[in-house]
Amino acid sequence: MKKPSKQVRYMIGMVVDATGSGMYLPLSLLYFHYVTGLPITKVGVIMTSAAVVGLVSNPVAGVLIDRFGARTVVVGGYVLRAAGFCAYPFVDNGVFMFAVVLPVALGDMSFPPAIQSFVAEIARGTDRDKLLAAQRSLRNAGMGVGGLLAGAALALGSDSAYHLIVICVAVGYLVAAALIRTIPTDRAAPPVGGRPSRKGGYLLVARNRPFMALSLLNVPTAFGYMVLSVSLPVYLTQELGASSSMVGVLYAVNTVGIALLQIPVTRVLGGYRRTRAMALGAAVFAASFVFFAVLGTFPKGTAVIVGVFAATMAFTAGELLHGATASALVAQTAPEETRGRHLAIYQLSWAVPIALAPAVLTALLSVSAIGMWLLLAAGVAGAALGVLRLERRLPEAAVHPRPSVRPADEQPADEQPAGEQRPVGT
């Protein structure tokens, strides 16, 4: 029986991962409140503290990726998180909680640069865009299925339901690690005489001005991505007078839309410059934020509710255009020999806004809700223009995706005939 291609094995691993995450993420605060009896606010402080400390794993992951390969870091992160989740049922106080949440946070923070580097090692050209699109689509579907499974488990009314969920998450991480471990990668062969030099560390990344500019331009867009979970629920209920149940409906519109449309949208974008598609996505984001701002000037009623759905669909369209395309562009812009460190820096442009968004966006909301939307729109529109201006300074292969020369189920690099090994991204 023929072994599934590495892309198929990869996607199965991502679905297993996402299903487990979908089971736990909606219950993360409630779980520790339930098992420890700690106040929900204290649980939040402990989890946030662990996440902040976990940021140190991002640059460390970059070094480890360049030294040992992305696959090793992905698998190690899965095992680390699985160990943490296995310890969750034994938590009975705040100190112990921090001790078991921290390794999970370290694994979480190391995952984005590692998985992006891993995709760059197993797919090239337009195949990379397609794989990232499939990943986004299936992960959204997996998260939804995980949420349904968690709801079914908790509906049983058993005290052991919470523990069952975290153990299932741990098992899911181990299964994903086992699948990823079987996938051969296509790292560049070392030159005659030893490994290629990676001297200079993060100084090399700092000197790569086009890449640093690309990372900085992502910051306002990253804040924009956070509005669905941070700003919109407050804006809907407190400013527009909508019911809290609508928050879940709008979230479903976004996740289902991405699950169904990301692959066909990315297929259409394959013939266009990645920078143009990325900028268009940011521009659509900006338009959706202006739409949200305008709704705040309307009297409350049915028209506002319809407008909210339209603005959310525009937000989803922006995400469809921007998400997978931006990931592919950044992965191919990063030089292969220091790709891990480059992507670790880029992921900080996500991690920092994600950490700051709850405080920053709620503070802006308290000053002026309409002003917050317009400020976000200006920032994201500026990022779109910046990407277009940066286009000429980026590698041609990163801007213009080309079909991969290799078949989808290529052999491991060490089994290929001599002369066929090429660095990813060339």
Protein backbone atom coordinates (compact mmCIF):
# COMPACT_ATOMS: atom_id res chain seq x y z
CA MET A 1 0.00 0.00 0.00
CA LYS A 2 1.41 3.36 -1.04
CA LYS A 3 2.27 5.70 1.82
CA PRO A 4 0.28 8.97 1.77
CA SER A 5 2.23 11.93 0.37
CA LYS A 6 3.96 14.18 2.85
CA GLN A 7 1.46 16.97 2.21
CA VAL A 8 -1.41 14.61 3.09
CA ARG A 9 0.34 13.46 6.26
CA TYR A 10 1.02 17.07 7.15
CA MET A 11 -2.61 18.08 6.74
CA ILE A 12 -3.82 15.12 8.84
CA GLY A 13 -1.46 16.25 11.58
CA MET A 14 -2.79 19.81 11.39
CA VAL A 15 -6.41 18.61 11.61
CA VAL A 16 -5.62 16.49 14.68
CA ASP A 17 -3.80 19.45 16.25
CA ALA A 18 -6.63 21.90 15.49
CA THR A 19 -9.33 19.55 16.74
CA GLY A 20 -7.58 19.23 20.09
CA SER A 21 -7.03 22.98 20.30
CA GLY A 22 -10.67 23.59 19.46
CA MET A 23 -11.70 21.35 22.34
CA TYR A 24 -9.64 23.28 24.88
CA LEU A 25 -9.31 26.93 23.84
CA PRO A 26 -12.91 27.97 24.63
CA LEU A 27 -12.57 26.39 28.09
CA SER A 28 -9.02 27.40 29.05
CA LEU A 29 -10.00 29.90 31.75
CA LEU A 30 -12.96 27.85 32.96
CA TYR A 31 -10.88 24.68 33.26
CA PHE A 32 -8.43 26.03 35.82
CA HIS A 33 -11.18 27.93 37.62
CA TYR A 34 -13.01 24.63 37.90
CA VAL A 35 -10.13 22.38 38.98
CA THR A 36 -8.36 24.82 41.31
CA GLY A 37 -11.18 26.99 42.62
CA LEU A 38 -9.06 30.09 41.92
CA PRO A 39 -10.90 33.29 40.96
CA ILE A 40 -11.26 33.66 37.22
CA THR A 41 -9.27 36.92 37.29
CA LYS A 42 -6.32 35.23 38.99
CA VAL A 43 -6.44 32.40 36.48
CA GLY A 44 -6.29 35.00 33.70
CA VAL A 45 -3.28 36.72 35.27
CA ILE A 46 -1.40 33.43 35.62
CA MET A 47 -2.10 32.42 32.02
CA THR A 48 -1.11 35.84 30.70
CA SER A 49 2.11 35.82 32.75
CA ALA A 50 3.04 32.42 31.33
CA ALA A 51 2.33 33.65 27.79
CA VAL A 52 4.54 36.73 28.28
CA VAL A 53 7.40 34.61 29.66
CA GLY A 54 6.80 32.19 26.80
CA LEU A 55 7.75 34.89 24.30
CA VAL A 56 11.41 34.06 24.98
CA SER A 57 10.90 30.75 23.17
CA ASN A 58 10.34 32.61 19.91
CA PRO A 59 13.96 33.72 19.29
CA VAL A 60 15.25 30.50 20.84
CA ALA A 61 13.11 28.52 18.41
CA GLY A 62 14.67 30.44 15.52
CA VAL A 63 18.16 29.32 16.52
CA LEU A 64 17.03 25.72 17.06
CA ILE A 65 15.29 25.62 13.68
CA ASP A 66 18.43 26.75 11.88
CA ARG A 67 20.57 24.29 13.84
CA PHE A 68 18.41 21.15 13.96
CA GLY A 69 15.69 21.72 11.36
CA ALA A 70 12.07 22.83 11.63
CA ARG A 71 10.69 19.30 11.95
CA THR A 72 12.64 18.69 15.15
CA VAL A 73 11.35 21.91 16.72
CA VAL A 74 7.73 21.23 15.68
CA VAL A 75 7.84 17.72 17.13
CA GLY A 76 9.61 18.90 20.30
CA GLY A 77 7.01 21.63 20.80
CA TYR A 78 4.19 19.11 20.47
CA VAL A 79 5.78 16.79 23.02
CA LEU A 80 6.39 19.68 25.42
CA ARG A 81 2.75 20.78 25.21
CA ALA A 82 1.48 17.22 25.56
CA ALA A 83 3.50 16.81 28.77
CA GLY A 84 2.02 20.03 30.14
CA PHE A 85 -1.55 18.96 29.36
CA CYS A 86 -0.98 15.56 30.98
CA ALA A 87 -0.11 17.44 34.20
CA TYR A 88 -3.21 19.67 34.10
CA PRO A 89 -5.48 17.26 36.05
CA PHE A 90 -3.06 17.39 39.01
CA VAL A 91 -3.06 21.19 39.38
CA ASP A 92 -4.44 22.29 42.75
CA ASN A 93 -2.92 25.76 43.33
CA GLY A 94 -1.68 28.85 41.51
CA VAL A 95 2.05 28.04 41.71
CA PHE A 96 1.59 24.56 40.29
CA MET A 97 -0.69 25.99 37.63
CA PHE A 98 2.01 28.42 36.44
CA ALA A 99 4.55 25.58 36.42
CA VAL A 100 2.47 23.45 34.03
CA VAL A 101 1.09 26.29 31.91
CA LEU A 102 4.57 27.68 31.20
CA PRO A 103 5.85 24.73 29.10
CA VAL A 104 2.61 24.82 27.13
CA ALA A 105 3.15 28.55 26.50
CA LEU A 106 6.74 27.88 25.42
CA GLY A 107 5.50 25.26 22.97
CA ASP A 108 2.77 27.57 21.70
CA MET A 109 5.16 30.44 21.03
CA SER A 110 7.72 28.26 19.27
CA PHE A 111 5.09 26.73 16.99
CA PRO A 112 4.46 29.56 14.43
CA PRO A 113 8.07 30.05 13.23
CA ALA A 114 8.69 26.31 13.34
CA ILE A 115 5.62 25.33 11.34
CA GLN A 116 6.18 28.06 8.75
CA SER A 117 9.77 26.92 8.32
CA PHE A 118 8.58 23.33 8.06
CA VAL A 119 6.11 24.19 5.29
CA ALA A 120 8.93 25.97 3.45
CA GLU A 121 10.96 22.75 3.67
CA ILE A 122 8.24 20.49 2.22
CA ALA A 123 6.65 22.71 -0.45
CA ARG A 124 7.84 25.23 -3.01
CA GLY A 125 6.44 27.90 -5.29
CA THR A 126 2.68 27.87 -5.72
CA ASP A 127 2.54 24.51 -3.93
CA ARG A 128 3.50 26.37 -0.77
CA ASP A 129 0.59 28.79 -1.17
CA LYS A 130 -1.81 25.89 -1.76
CA LEU A 131 -0.55 23.97 1.27
CA LEU A 132 -0.84 27.02 3.52
CA ALA A 133 -4.35 27.65 2.20
CA ALA A 134 -5.36 24.05 2.88
CA GLN A 135 -3.85 24.34 6.35
CA ARG A 136 -5.87 27.47 7.16
CA SER A 137 -9.05 25.90 5.80
CA LEU A 138 -8.76 22.56 7.56
CA ARG A 139 -7.52 24.08 10.83
CA ASN A 140 -10.63 26.25 10.97
CA ALA A 141 -12.78 23.19 10.35
CA GLY A 142 -10.84 21.21 12.98
CA MET A 143 -11.25 23.98 15.54
CA GLY A 144 -15.00 23.94 14.95
CA VAL A 145 -15.21 20.17 15.32
CA GLY A 146 -13.13 20.37 18.50
CA GLY A 147 -15.50 22.92 19.98
CA LEU A 148 -18.47 20.67 19.25
CA LEU A 149 -16.73 17.68 20.84
CA ALA A 150 -15.94 19.70 23.95
CA GLY A 151 -19.56 20.82 24.19
CA ALA A 152 -20.74 17.23 23.90
CA ALA A 153 -18.34 16.08 26.60
CA LEU A 154 -19.38 18.81 29.02
CA ALA A 155 -23.07 18.15 28.29
CA LEU A 156 -22.63 14.79 30.03
CA GLY A 157 -22.46 16.71 33.31
CA SER A 158 -19.59 14.61 34.63
CA ASP A 159 -16.80 16.08 36.77
CA SER A 160 -14.33 14.04 34.76
CA ALA A 161 -15.39 15.71 31.49
CA TYR A 162 -12.88 18.56 31.95
CA HIS A 163 -10.07 16.10 32.59
CA LEU A 164 -11.11 13.99 29.61
CA ILE A 165 -10.84 17.04 27.35
CA VAL A 166 -7.27 17.96 28.36
CA ILE A 167 -6.11 14.34 28.05
CA CYS A 168 -7.62 14.20 24.56
CA VAL A 169 -5.71 17.37 23.69
CA ALA A 170 -2.46 15.80 24.94
CA VAL A 171 -3.09 12.66 22.88
CA GLY A 172 -3.85 14.82 19.84
CA TYR A 173 -0.52 16.61 20.18
CA LEU A 174 1.34 13.29 20.39
CA VAL A 175 -0.46 11.94 17.31
CA ALA A 176 0.37 15.14 15.40
CA ALA A 177 4.01 14.86 16.51
CA ALA A 178 4.17 11.25 15.30
CA LEU A 179 2.75 12.22 11.90
CA ILE A 180 5.08 15.19 11.43
CA ARG A 181 8.04 13.03 12.45
CA THR A 182 7.42 10.74 9.45
CA ILE A 183 7.53 13.55 6.88
CA PRO A 184 10.83 13.96 4.99
CA THR A 185 12.06 17.52 4.50
CA ASP A 186 13.94 19.17 1.67
CA ARG A 187 16.61 21.23 3.37
CA ALA A 188 19.57 22.34 1.27
CA ALA A 189 22.46 19.92 1.25
CA PRO A 190 25.53 21.14 3.17
CA PRO A 191 28.40 22.32 1.00
CA VAL A 192 31.52 20.21 0.63
CA GLY A 193 33.57 20.53 3.80
CA GLY A 194 30.75 20.92 6.35
CA ARG A 195 27.56 22.75 7.25
CA PRO A 196 26.82 26.16 5.72
CA SER A 197 27.79 29.07 7.91
CA ARG A 198 25.12 30.73 10.02
CA LYS A 199 27.44 33.13 11.81
CA GLY A 200 25.98 36.46 12.76
CA GLY A 201 22.79 35.14 14.28
CA TYR A 202 20.07 37.72 14.66
CA LEU A 203 22.40 40.47 13.42
CA LEU A 204 21.95 38.97 9.96
CA VAL A 205 18.20 39.35 10.32
CA ALA A 206 18.55 42.95 11.54
CA ARG A 207 20.67 43.78 8.49
CA ASN A 208 18.06 42.35 6.14
CA ARG A 209 16.19 45.65 5.82
CA PRO A 210 13.49 44.50 3.36
CA PHE A 211 12.59 41.59 5.65
CA MET A 212 12.59 43.80 8.76
CA ALA A 213 10.36 46.30 6.96
CA LEU A 214 7.99 43.49 5.98
CA SER A 215 7.83 42.40 9.63
CA LEU A 216 7.17 45.94 10.92
CA LEU A 217 4.44 46.47 8.32
CA ASN A 218 2.68 43.40 9.69
CA VAL A 219 2.18 44.96 13.15
CA PRO A 220 -0.89 47.11 12.36
CA THR A 221 -2.39 44.25 10.36
CA ALA A 222 -1.88 41.88 13.30
CA PHE A 223 -3.80 44.28 15.52
CA GLY A 224 -6.50 44.27 12.85
CA TYR A 225 -6.79 40.49 12.99
CA MET A 226 -7.53 40.70 16.72
CA VAL A 227 -10.71 42.79 16.44
CA LEU A 228 -12.93 39.77 15.91
CA SER A 229 -12.13 38.35 19.32
CA VAL A 230 -11.35 41.54 21.28
CA SER A 231 -13.05 44.66 19.90
CA LEU A 232 -16.09 43.41 18.05
CA PRO A 233 -17.85 41.68 20.99
CA VAL A 234 -17.65 44.87 23.09
CA TYR A 235 -18.58 47.13 20.17
CA LEU A 236 -21.58 44.99 19.25
CA THR A 237 -23.07 44.74 22.70
CA GLN A 238 -22.21 48.12 24.21
CA GLU A 239 -22.21 50.48 21.21
CA LEU A 240 -24.62 48.90 18.73
CA GLY A 241 -26.99 47.29 21.22
CA ALA A 242 -26.79 43.81 19.72
CA SER A 243 -27.25 40.64 21.77
CA SER A 244 -24.21 38.74 22.98
CA SER A 245 -25.36 35.67 21.05
CA MET A 246 -24.57 37.50 17.80
CA VAL A 247 -20.87 37.43 18.69
CA GLY A 248 -20.82 33.66 18.25
CA VAL A 249 -22.77 33.88 15.00
CA LEU A 250 -20.33 36.38 13.50
CA TYR A 251 -17.37 34.27 14.63
CA ALA A 252 -18.98 31.30 12.86
CA VAL A 253 -19.41 33.39 9.68
CA ASN A 254 -15.69 34.12 9.73
CA THR A 255 -14.41 30.62 10.52
CA VAL A 256 -16.80 28.80 8.19
CA GLY A 257 -16.05 31.27 5.41
CA ILE A 258 -12.32 30.61 5.72
CA ALA A 259 -12.81 26.86 5.96
CA LEU A 260 -14.88 26.79 2.75
CA LEU A 261 -13.23 29.49 0.64
CA GLN A 262 -9.51 29.68 1.50
CA ILE A 263 -8.44 26.97 -0.93
CA PRO A 264 -10.35 28.26 -4.00
CA VAL A 265 -9.38 31.87 -3.28
CA THR A 266 -5.69 30.94 -3.01
CA ARG A 267 -5.94 28.95 -6.24
CA VAL A 268 -7.18 32.09 -8.02
CA LEU A 269 -4.44 34.21 -6.46
CA GLY A 270 -1.73 31.82 -7.70
CA GLY A 271 -1.30 33.78 -10.92
CA TYR A 272 -0.78 37.16 -9.21
CA ARG A 273 2.06 38.76 -7.31
CA ARG A 274 1.95 37.83 -3.66
CA THR A 275 2.63 41.43 -2.63
CA ARG A 276 -0.39 42.66 -4.60
CA ALA A 277 -2.71 40.02 -3.12
CA MET A 278 -1.39 40.75 0.36
CA ALA A 279 -1.89 44.51 -0.08
CA LEU A 280 -5.38 43.98 -1.48
CA GLY A 281 -6.27 41.89 1.57
CA ALA A 282 -5.05 44.65 3.89
CA ALA A 283 -7.04 47.23 1.91
CA VAL A 284 -10.20 45.15 2.28
CA PHE A 285 -9.48 44.90 6.01
CA ALA A 286 -9.28 48.69 6.15
CA ALA A 287 -12.57 49.02 4.27
CA SER A 288 -14.28 46.67 6.73
CA PHE A 289 -13.03 48.77 9.67
CA VAL A 290 -14.40 51.94 8.06
CA PHE A 291 -17.70 50.09 7.58
CA PHE A 292 -17.78 49.17 11.29
CA ALA A 293 -17.05 52.80 12.20
CA VAL A 294 -19.87 54.12 9.98
CA LEU A 295 -22.33 51.70 11.63
CA GLY A 296 -21.67 53.46 14.94
CA THR A 297 -23.30 56.61 13.55
CA PHE A 298 -26.54 54.84 12.60
CA PRO A 299 -29.56 54.47 14.91
CA LYS A 300 -29.84 50.99 16.44
CA GLY A 301 -32.01 48.61 14.49
CA THR A 302 -32.21 45.95 11.80
CA ALA A 303 -30.18 47.95 9.30
CA VAL A 304 -27.24 48.05 11.72
CA ILE A 305 -27.40 44.28 12.26
CA VAL A 306 -27.38 43.67 8.50
CA GLY A 307 -24.47 46.07 8.21
CA VAL A 308 -22.52 44.20 10.88
CA PHE A 309 -22.87 40.98 8.91
CA ALA A 310 -21.73 42.74 5.74
CA ALA A 311 -18.70 44.25 7.51
CA THR A 312 -17.80 40.86 9.00
CA MET A 313 -17.97 39.26 5.55
CA ALA A 314 -15.67 42.00 4.25
CA PHE A 315 -13.28 41.30 7.14
CA THR A 316 -13.35 37.59 6.20
CA ALA A 317 -12.63 38.46 2.56
CA GLY A 318 -9.61 40.46 3.66
CA GLU A 319 -8.36 37.52 5.71
CA LEU A 320 -8.84 35.15 2.76
CA LEU A 321 -6.73 37.40 0.54
CA HIS A 322 -4.06 38.23 3.10
CA GLY A 323 -3.47 35.24 5.39
CA ALA A 324 -2.01 32.37 3.38
CA THR A 325 -0.43 34.75 0.84
CA ALA A 326 1.45 36.69 3.52
CA SER A 327 2.75 33.48 5.10
CA ALA A 328 4.06 32.21 1.76
CA LEU A 329 5.65 35.57 0.90
CA VAL A 330 7.47 35.83 4.22
CA ALA A 331 8.66 32.21 4.18
CA GLN A 332 10.25 32.63 0.75
CA THR A 333 11.65 36.08 1.51
CA ALA A 334 13.66 34.62 4.40
CA PRO A 335 17.06 33.21 3.35
CA GLU A 336 17.01 29.45 3.81
CA GLU A 337 20.11 29.10 5.99
CA THR A 338 18.73 31.51 8.59
CA ARG A 339 15.04 31.00 7.87
CA GLY A 340 14.30 29.95 11.44
CA ARG A 341 15.65 33.19 12.90
CA HIS A 342 14.01 35.32 10.23
CA LEU A 343 10.62 33.74 10.82
CA ALA A 344 11.07 34.00 14.59
CA ILE A 345 11.48 37.77 14.20
CA TYR A 346 8.50 37.93 11.87
CA GLN A 347 6.35 35.99 14.34
CA LEU A 348 7.13 38.61 16.98
CA SER A 349 5.15 41.00 14.79
CA TRP A 350 2.20 38.72 15.55
CA ALA A 351 3.00 37.71 19.12
CA VAL A 352 3.45 41.23 20.49
CA PRO A 353 0.19 42.63 19.04
CA ILE A 354 -1.67 39.52 20.20
CA ALA A 355 -0.34 40.05 23.73
CA LEU A 356 -1.07 43.80 23.71
CA ALA A 357 -4.36 43.79 21.81
CA PRO A 358 -6.72 43.23 24.77
CA ALA A 359 -5.29 46.21 26.67
CA VAL A 360 -4.69 48.51 23.68
CA LEU A 361 -7.95 47.93 21.83
CA THR A 362 -10.16 48.12 24.92
CA ALA A 363 -8.43 51.36 25.93
CA LEU A 364 -9.08 52.83 22.47
CA LEU A 365 -12.69 51.66 22.67
CA SER A 366 -13.15 53.47 25.96
CA VAL A 367 -11.90 56.72 24.43
CA SER A 368 -13.77 56.54 21.11
CA ALA A 369 -15.20 53.42 19.48
CA ILE A 370 -15.43 55.07 16.06
CA GLY A 371 -11.95 56.50 16.49
CA MET A 372 -10.57 53.03 17.21
CA TRP A 373 -11.97 51.64 13.94
CA LEU A 374 -10.68 54.57 11.92
CA LEU A 375 -7.23 54.34 13.53
CA LEU A 376 -7.07 50.62 12.69
CA ALA A 377 -8.21 51.35 9.14
CA ALA A 378 -5.48 53.98 8.69
CA GLY A 379 -2.80 51.68 10.09
CA VAL A 380 -3.75 48.71 7.91
CA ALA A 381 -4.12 50.88 4.80
CA GLY A 382 -0.66 52.29 5.48
CA ALA A 383 0.69 48.74 5.75
CA ALA A 384 -0.86 47.89 2.37
CA LEU A 385 0.86 50.85 0.72
CA GLY A 386 4.11 49.97 2.45
CA VAL A 387 4.06 46.42 1.07
CA LEU A 388 3.54 47.76 -2.46
CA ARG A 389 6.48 50.16 -2.08
CA LEU A 390 8.63 47.33 -0.71
CA GLU A 391 7.85 45.01 -3.62
CA ARG A 392 10.92 45.91 -5.71
CA ARG A 393 13.29 45.16 -2.82
CA LEU A 394 11.96 41.65 -2.18
CA PRO A 395 13.31 38.50 -3.89
CA GLU A 396 11.64 37.91 -7.25
CA ALA A 397 10.86 34.28 -6.38
CA ALA A 398 9.02 35.45 -3.28
CA VAL A 399 6.92 38.03 -5.12
CA HIS A 400 6.17 35.91 -8.21
CA PRO A 401 5.18 32.37 -7.15
CA ARG A 402 6.05 29.66 -9.66
CA PRO A 403 4.67 26.12 -9.91
CA SER A 404 6.82 23.57 -8.14
CA VAL A 405 9.00 21.40 -10.37
CA ARG A 406 8.76 18.47 -8.00
CA PRO A 407 5.77 16.11 -7.81
CA ALA A 408 3.64 16.31 -4.67
CA ASP A 409 4.95 13.06 -3.23
CA GLU A 410 8.66 13.61 -3.80
CA GLN A 411 11.27 11.39 -2.23
CA PRO A 412 13.30 12.39 0.82
CA ALA A 413 16.29 14.54 -0.05
CA ASP A 414 18.76 11.83 1.00
CA GLU A 415 17.22 9.40 -1.53
CA GLN A 416 17.41 11.70 -4.55
CA PRO A 417 19.99 11.33 -7.28
CA ALA A 418 23.01 13.58 -7.01
CA GLY A 419 22.55 17.01 -8.46
CA GLU A 420 18.79 17.22 -7.78
CA GLN A 421 19.02 18.80 -4.37
CA ARG A 422 18.26 22.52 -4.41
CA PRO A 423 17.74 25.02 -1.64
CA VAL A 424 14.09 25.74 -0.94
CA GLY A 425 12.92 28.94 -2.57
CA THR A 426 15.26 28.89 -5.56
